[in-house]
């Protein structure tokens, strides 16, 4: 099975997205507190790690219920 892990870095943080684990909860980009400036499914690539502070990105990633989003 192919590893579909994607990584997006801004020099401070690397966002890791595992599309096979994603349940499309929309927590990352939709609703109160969402970071549309970082996570925008209408764009390619859909993750832009320069759109918010590292702290805000980490806070949003921690809301991912499936674990499809992580960081280092």
PDB file of N, CA and C in Angstrom:
ATOM      1  N   UNK A   1       0.831  -1.184   0.000  1.00  0.00           N
ATOM      2  CA  UNK A   1       0.000   0.000   0.000  1.00  0.00           C
ATOM      3  C   UNK A   1       0.877   1.250   0.000  1.00  0.00           C
ATOM      4  N   UNK A   2       0.532   2.189  -0.818  1.00  0.00           N
ATOM      5  CA  UNK A   2       1.285   3.425  -0.970  1.00  0.00           C
ATOM      6  C   UNK A   2       1.055   4.363   0.226  1.00  0.00           C
ATOM      7  N   UNK A   3       2.132   5.017   0.688  1.00  0.00           N
ATOM      8  CA  UNK A   3       2.036   5.990   1.768  1.00  0.00           C
ATOM      9  C   UNK A   3       1.609   7.318   1.170  1.00  0.00           C
ATOM     10  N   UNK A   4       0.433   7.791   1.538  1.00  0.00           N
ATOM     11  CA  UNK A   4      -0.091   9.036   0.992  1.00  0.00           C
ATOM     12  C   UNK A   4       0.123  10.230   1.910  1.00  0.00           C
ATOM     13  N   UNK A   5       1.054  10.133   2.834  1.00  0.00           N
ATOM     14  CA  UNK A   5       1.332  11.217   3.777  1.00  0.00           C
ATOM     15  C   UNK A   5       1.875  12.437   3.041  1.00  0.00           C
ATOM     16  N   UNK A   6       1.302  13.596   3.357  1.00  0.00           N
ATOM     17  CA  UNK A   6       1.741  14.869   2.775  1.00  0.00           C
ATOM     18  C   UNK A   6       2.291  15.743   3.891  1.00  0.00           C
ATOM     19  N   UNK A   7       3.326  16.519   3.573  1.00  0.00           N
ATOM     20  CA  UNK A   7       3.945  17.409   4.554  1.00  0.00           C
ATOM     21  C   UNK A   7       4.046  18.816   3.991  1.00  0.00           C
ATOM     22  N   UNK A   8       3.741  19.785   4.859  1.00  0.00           N
ATOM     23  CA  UNK A   8       3.771  21.194   4.479  1.00  0.00           C
ATOM     24  C   UNK A   8       4.501  21.958   5.577  1.00  0.00           C
ATOM     25  N   UNK A   9       5.586  22.639   5.241  1.00  0.00           N
ATOM     26  CA  UNK A   9       6.421  23.300   6.255  1.00  0.00           C
ATOM     27  C   UNK A   9       6.514  24.808   6.024  1.00  0.00           C
ATOM     28  N   UNK A  10       6.729  25.532   7.137  1.00  0.00           N
ATOM     29  CA  UNK A  10       6.917  26.978   7.045  1.00  0.00           C
ATOM     30  C   UNK A  10       8.224  27.442   7.694  1.00  0.00           C
ATOM     31  N   UNK A  11       9.087  26.517   8.066  1.00  0.00           N
ATOM     32  CA  UNK A  11      10.336  26.868   8.721  1.00  0.00           C
ATOM     33  C   UNK A  11      10.279  26.725  10.230  1.00  0.00           C
ATOM     34  N   UNK A  12       9.086  26.767  10.810  1.00  0.00           N
ATOM     35  CA  UNK A  12       8.900  26.585  12.248  1.00  0.00           C
ATOM     36  C   UNK A  12       8.173  25.290  12.563  1.00  0.00           C
ATOM     37  N   UNK A  13       7.243  24.933  11.696  1.00  0.00           N
ATOM     38  CA  UNK A  13       6.402  23.768  11.922  1.00  0.00           C
ATOM     39  C   UNK A  13       6.212  23.023  10.595  1.00  0.00           C
ATOM     40  N   UNK A  14       6.098  21.727  10.697  1.00  0.00           N
ATOM     41  CA  UNK A  14       5.733  20.917   9.538  1.00  0.00           C
ATOM     42  C   UNK A  14       4.389  20.285   9.845  1.00  0.00           C
ATOM     43  N   UNK A  15       3.403  20.574   9.015  1.00  0.00           N
ATOM     44  CA  UNK A  15       2.073  19.998   9.137  1.00  0.00           C
ATOM     45  C   UNK A  15       2.070  18.696   8.361  1.00  0.00           C
ATOM     46  N   UNK A  16       1.617  17.639   8.995  1.00  0.00           N
ATOM     47  CA  UNK A  16       1.552  16.318   8.366  1.00  0.00           C
ATOM     48  C   UNK A  16       0.081  15.978   8.164  1.00  0.00           C
ATOM     49  N   UNK A  17      -0.276  15.610   6.932  1.00  0.00           N
ATOM     50  CA  UNK A  17      -1.648  15.223   6.616  1.00  0.00           C
ATOM     51  C   UNK A  17      -1.661  13.819   6.041  1.00  0.00           C
ATOM     52  N   UNK A  18      -2.458  12.957   6.638  1.00  0.00           N
ATOM     53  CA  UNK A  18      -2.627  11.589   6.163  1.00  0.00           C
ATOM     54  C   UNK A  18      -4.043  11.456   5.613  1.00  0.00           C
ATOM     55  N   UNK A  19      -4.201  11.655   4.304  1.00  0.00           N
ATOM     56  CA  UNK A  19      -5.542  11.669   3.710  1.00  0.00           C
ATOM     57  C   UNK A  19      -6.334  10.381   3.932  1.00  0.00           C
ATOM     58  N   UNK A  20      -5.661   9.257   4.059  1.00  0.00           N
ATOM     59  CA  UNK A  20      -6.373   7.998   4.287  1.00  0.00           C
ATOM     60  C   UNK A  20      -7.052   7.945   5.652  1.00  0.00           C
ATOM     61  N   UNK A  21      -6.592   8.758   6.587  1.00  0.00           N
ATOM     62  CA  UNK A  21      -7.190   8.795   7.932  1.00  0.00           C
ATOM     63  C   UNK A  21      -8.256   9.873   8.076  1.00  0.00           C
ATOM     64  N   UNK A  22      -8.303  10.797   7.130  1.00  0.00           N
ATOM     65  CA  UNK A  22      -9.203  11.946   7.228  1.00  0.00           C
ATOM     66  C   UNK A  22     -10.668  11.509   7.137  1.00  0.00           C
ATOM     67  N   UNK A  23     -11.485  11.974   8.099  1.00  0.00           N
ATOM     68  CA  UNK A  23     -12.915  11.674   8.093  1.00  0.00           C
ATOM     69  C   UNK A  23     -13.730  12.898   7.636  1.00  0.00           C
ATOM     70  N   UNK A  24     -13.056  13.934   7.192  1.00  0.00           N
ATOM     71  CA  UNK A  24     -13.682  15.144   6.648  1.00  0.00           C
ATOM     72  C   UNK A  24     -14.647  15.795   7.640  1.00  0.00           C
ATOM     73  N   UNK A  25     -14.188  15.940   8.866  1.00  0.00           N
ATOM     74  CA  UNK A  25     -15.000  16.589   9.904  1.00  0.00           C
ATOM     75  C   UNK A  25     -15.152  18.082   9.647  1.00  0.00           C
ATOM     76  N   UNK A  26     -14.272  18.659   8.869  1.00  0.00           N
ATOM     77  CA  UNK A  26     -14.194  20.086   8.520  1.00  0.00           C
ATOM     78  C   UNK A  26     -13.777  20.969   9.698  1.00  0.00           C
ATOM     79  N   UNK A  27     -13.350  20.371  10.808  1.00  0.00           N
ATOM     80  CA  UNK A  27     -12.912  21.161  11.970  1.00  0.00           C
ATOM     81  C   UNK A  27     -11.768  22.103  11.620  1.00  0.00           C
ATOM     82  N   UNK A  28     -10.908  21.715  10.722  1.00  0.00           N
ATOM     83  CA  UNK A  28      -9.725  22.516  10.418  1.00  0.00           C
ATOM     84  C   UNK A  28     -10.051  23.799   9.655  1.00  0.00           C
ATOM     85  N   UNK A  29     -11.072  23.761   8.802  1.00  0.00           N
ATOM     86  CA  UNK A  29     -11.321  24.915   7.936  1.00  0.00           C
ATOM     87  C   UNK A  29     -12.698  25.538   8.045  1.00  0.00           C
ATOM     88  N   UNK A  30     -13.604  24.934   8.783  1.00  0.00           N
ATOM     89  CA  UNK A  30     -14.977  25.429   8.823  1.00  0.00           C
ATOM     90  C   UNK A  30     -15.438  25.583  10.266  1.00  0.00           C
ATOM     91  N   UNK A  31     -16.240  26.589  10.529  1.00  0.00           N
ATOM     92  CA  UNK A  31     -16.802  26.769  11.856  1.00  0.00           C
ATOM     93  C   UNK A  31     -16.010  27.726  12.725  1.00  0.00           C
ATOM     94  N   UNK A  32     -16.432  27.863  13.952  1.00  0.00           N
ATOM     95  CA  UNK A  32     -15.818  28.776  14.903  1.00  0.00           C
ATOM     96  C   UNK A  32     -14.370  28.390  15.181  1.00  0.00           C
ATOM     97  N   UNK A  33     -13.491  29.351  15.028  1.00  0.00           N
ATOM     98  CA  UNK A  33     -12.083  29.125  15.319  1.00  0.00           C
ATOM     99  C   UNK A  33     -11.301  28.426  14.220  1.00  0.00           C
ATOM    100  N   UNK A  34     -11.953  28.104  13.119  1.00  0.00           N
ATOM    101  CA  UNK A  34     -11.264  27.414  12.035  1.00  0.00           C
ATOM    102  C   UNK A  34     -10.223  28.323  11.390  1.00  0.00           C
ATOM    103  N   UNK A  35      -9.224  27.717  10.789  1.00  0.00           N
ATOM    104  CA  UNK A  35      -8.149  28.481  10.139  1.00  0.00           C
ATOM    105  C   UNK A  35      -8.247  28.346   8.626  1.00  0.00           C
ATOM    106  N   UNK A  36      -9.187  29.046   8.041  1.00  0.00           N
ATOM    107  CA  UNK A  36      -9.379  28.986   6.592  1.00  0.00           C
ATOM    108  C   UNK A  36      -8.148  29.513   5.854  1.00  0.00           C
ATOM    109  N   UNK A  37      -7.384  30.395   6.504  1.00  0.00           N
ATOM    110  CA  UNK A  37      -6.180  30.939   5.871  1.00  0.00           C
ATOM    111  C   UNK A  37      -5.052  29.908   5.802  1.00  0.00           C
ATOM    112  N   UNK A  38      -5.175  28.807   6.533  1.00  0.00           N
ATOM    113  CA  UNK A  38      -4.195  27.723   6.491  1.00  0.00           C
ATOM    114  C   UNK A  38      -4.774  26.503   5.787  1.00  0.00           C
ATOM    115  N   UNK A  39      -6.001  26.148   6.143  1.00  0.00           N
ATOM    116  CA  UNK A  39      -6.654  24.955   5.602  1.00  0.00           C
ATOM    117  C   UNK A  39      -7.810  25.383   4.702  1.00  0.00           C
ATOM    118  N   UNK A  40      -7.624  25.278   3.398  1.00  0.00           N
ATOM    119  CA  UNK A  40      -8.653  25.704   2.445  1.00  0.00           C
ATOM    120  C   UNK A  40      -8.794  24.654   1.345  1.00  0.00           C
ATOM    121  N   UNK A  41      -9.823  23.817   1.436  1.00  0.00           N
ATOM    122  CA  UNK A  41      -9.980  22.736   0.460  1.00  0.00           C
ATOM    123  C   UNK A  41     -10.267  23.205  -0.958  1.00  0.00           C
ATOM    124  N   UNK A  42     -10.550  24.486  -1.141  1.00  0.00           N
ATOM    125  CA  UNK A  42     -10.789  25.016  -2.483  1.00  0.00           C
ATOM    126  C   UNK A  42      -9.486  25.349  -3.206  1.00  0.00           C
ATOM    127  N   UNK A  43      -8.366  25.299  -2.488  1.00  0.00           N
ATOM    128  CA  UNK A  43      -7.065  25.639  -3.071  1.00  0.00           C
ATOM    129  C   UNK A  43      -6.200  24.393  -3.237  1.00  0.00           C
ATOM    130  N   UNK A  44      -5.205  24.496  -4.086  1.00  0.00           N
ATOM    131  CA  UNK A  44      -4.205  23.446  -4.273  1.00  0.00           C
ATOM    132  C   UNK A  44      -2.841  24.078  -4.079  1.00  0.00           C
ATOM    133  N   UNK A  45      -2.002  23.664  -3.165  1.00  0.00           N
ATOM    134  CA  UNK A  45      -2.328  22.676  -2.136  1.00  0.00           C
ATOM    135  C   UNK A  45      -3.308  23.270  -1.143  1.00  0.00           C
ATOM    136  N   UNK A  46      -4.056  22.417  -0.485  1.00  0.00           N
ATOM    137  CA  UNK A  46      -5.115  22.895   0.412  1.00  0.00           C
ATOM    138  C   UNK A  46      -4.584  23.336   1.777  1.00  0.00           C
ATOM    139  N   UNK A  47      -3.331  23.020   2.080  1.00  0.00           N
ATOM    140  CA  UNK A  47      -2.705  23.464   3.325  1.00  0.00           C
ATOM    141  C   UNK A  47      -1.611  24.475   3.004  1.00  0.00           C
ATOM    142  N   UNK A  48      -1.720  25.661   3.605  1.00  0.00           N
ATOM    143  CA  UNK A  48      -0.739  26.725   3.437  1.00  0.00           C
ATOM    144  C   UNK A  48      -0.208  27.089   4.824  1.00  0.00           C
ATOM    145  N   UNK A  49       0.949  26.559   5.218  1.00  0.00           N
ATOM    146  CA  UNK A  49       1.431  26.751   6.580  1.00  0.00           C
ATOM    147  C   UNK A  49       1.882  28.171   6.920  1.00  0.00           C
ATOM    148  N   UNK A  50       1.851  29.082   5.956  1.00  0.00           N
ATOM    149  CA  UNK A  50       2.258  30.468   6.206  1.00  0.00           C
ATOM    150  C   UNK A  50       1.071  31.356   6.566  1.00  0.00           C
ATOM    151  N   UNK A  51      -0.148  30.787   6.642  1.00  0.00           N
ATOM    152  CA  UNK A  51      -1.362  31.571   6.828  1.00  0.00           C
ATOM    153  C   UNK A  51      -1.675  31.985   8.252  1.00  0.00           C
ATOM    154  N   UNK A  52      -0.985  31.426   9.236  1.00  0.00           N
ATOM    155  CA  UNK A  52      -1.254  31.760  10.643  1.00  0.00           C
ATOM    156  C   UNK A  52      -0.009  31.461  11.465  1.00  0.00           C
ATOM    157  N   UNK A  53      -0.051  31.882  12.706  1.00  0.00           N
ATOM    158  CA  UNK A  53       1.088  31.624  13.590  1.00  0.00           C
ATOM    159  C   UNK A  53       1.196  30.129  13.894  1.00  0.00           C
ATOM    160  N   UNK A  54       2.386  29.710  14.240  1.00  0.00           N
ATOM    161  CA  UNK A  54       2.615  28.308  14.594  1.00  0.00           C
ATOM    162  C   UNK A  54       1.712  27.891  15.746  1.00  0.00           C
ATOM    163  N   UNK A  55       1.528  28.756  16.723  1.00  0.00           N
ATOM    164  CA  UNK A  55       0.685  28.441  17.877  1.00  0.00           C
ATOM    165  C   UNK A  55      -0.758  28.177  17.460  1.00  0.00           C
ATOM    166  N   UNK A  56      -1.289  29.016  16.565  1.00  0.00           N
ATOM    167  CA  UNK A  56      -2.665  28.827  16.102  1.00  0.00           C
ATOM    168  C   UNK A  56      -2.803  27.547  15.280  1.00  0.00           C
ATOM    169  N   UNK A  57      -1.800  27.252  14.472  1.00  0.00           N
ATOM    170  CA  UNK A  57      -1.829  26.032  13.673  1.00  0.00           C
ATOM    171  C   UNK A  57      -1.841  24.803  14.585  1.00  0.00           C
ATOM    172  N   UNK A  58      -0.991  24.799  15.594  1.00  0.00           N
ATOM    173  CA  UNK A  58      -0.939  23.670  16.535  1.00  0.00           C
ATOM    174  C   UNK A  58      -2.284  23.509  17.242  1.00  0.00           C
ATOM    175  N   UNK A  59      -2.853  24.606  17.674  1.00  0.00           N
ATOM    176  CA  UNK A  59      -4.155  24.572  18.351  1.00  0.00           C
ATOM    177  C   UNK A  59      -5.221  23.947  17.444  1.00  0.00           C
ATOM    178  N   UNK A  60      -5.201  24.317  16.175  1.00  0.00           N
ATOM    179  CA  UNK A  60      -6.195  23.788  15.239  1.00  0.00           C
ATOM    180  C   UNK A  60      -5.953  22.306  14.937  1.00  0.00           C
ATOM    181  N   UNK A  61      -4.716  21.923  14.765  1.00  0.00           N
ATOM    182  CA  UNK A  61      -4.385  20.520  14.486  1.00  0.00           C
ATOM    183  C   UNK A  61      -4.849  19.625  15.631  1.00  0.00           C
ATOM    184  N   UNK A  62      -4.747  20.103  16.845  1.00  0.00           N
ATOM    185  CA  UNK A  62      -5.169  19.314  18.006  1.00  0.00           C
ATOM    186  C   UNK A  62      -6.678  19.062  18.018  1.00  0.00           C
ATOM    187  N   UNK A  63      -7.437  19.798  17.234  1.00  0.00           N
ATOM    188  CA  UNK A  63      -8.896  19.609  17.143  1.00  0.00           C
ATOM    189  C   UNK A  63      -9.288  18.542  16.128  1.00  0.00           C
ATOM    190  N   UNK A  64      -8.328  18.002  15.404  1.00  0.00           N
ATOM    191  CA  UNK A  64      -8.617  17.002  14.371  1.00  0.00           C
ATOM    192  C   UNK A  64      -9.032  15.686  15.050  1.00  0.00           C
ATOM    193  N   UNK A  65     -10.287  15.259  14.866  1.00  0.00           N
ATOM    194  CA  UNK A  65     -10.762  14.067  15.576  1.00  0.00           C
ATOM    195  C   UNK A  65     -10.202  12.741  15.060  1.00  0.00           C
ATOM    196  N   UNK A  66      -9.743  12.715  13.828  1.00  0.00           N
ATOM    197  CA  UNK A  66      -9.285  11.460  13.233  1.00  0.00           C
ATOM    198  C   UNK A  66      -7.783  11.221  13.398  1.00  0.00           C
ATOM    199  N   UNK A  67      -7.038  12.280  13.711  1.00  0.00           N
ATOM    200  CA  UNK A  67      -5.596  12.165  13.757  1.00  0.00           C
ATOM    201  C   UNK A  67      -4.960  12.265  12.375  1.00  0.00           C
ATOM    202  N   UNK A  68      -5.743  12.651  11.382  1.00  0.00           N
ATOM    203  CA  UNK A  68      -5.209  12.813  10.027  1.00  0.00           C
ATOM    204  C   UNK A  68      -4.221  13.968   9.947  1.00  0.00           C
ATOM    205  N   UNK A  69      -4.404  14.962  10.811  1.00  0.00           N
ATOM    206  CA  UNK A  69      -3.474  16.092  10.895  1.00  0.00           C
ATOM    207  C   UNK A  69      -2.603  15.935  12.129  1.00  0.00           C
ATOM    208  N   UNK A  70      -1.313  16.142  11.943  1.00  0.00           N
ATOM    209  CA  UNK A  70      -0.372  16.163  13.048  1.00  0.00           C
ATOM    210  C   UNK A  70       0.721  17.166  12.689  1.00  0.00           C
ATOM    211  N   UNK A  71       1.718  17.284  13.537  1.00  0.00           N
ATOM    212  CA  UNK A  71       2.781  18.262  13.270  1.00  0.00           C
ATOM    213  C   UNK A  71       4.058  17.841  13.984  1.00  0.00           C
ATOM    214  N   UNK A  72       5.142  18.440  13.536  1.00  0.00           N
ATOM    215  CA  UNK A  72       6.414  18.348  14.258  1.00  0.00           C
ATOM    216  C   UNK A  72       7.199  19.590  13.997  1.00  0.00           C
TER     217      UNK A  72
END
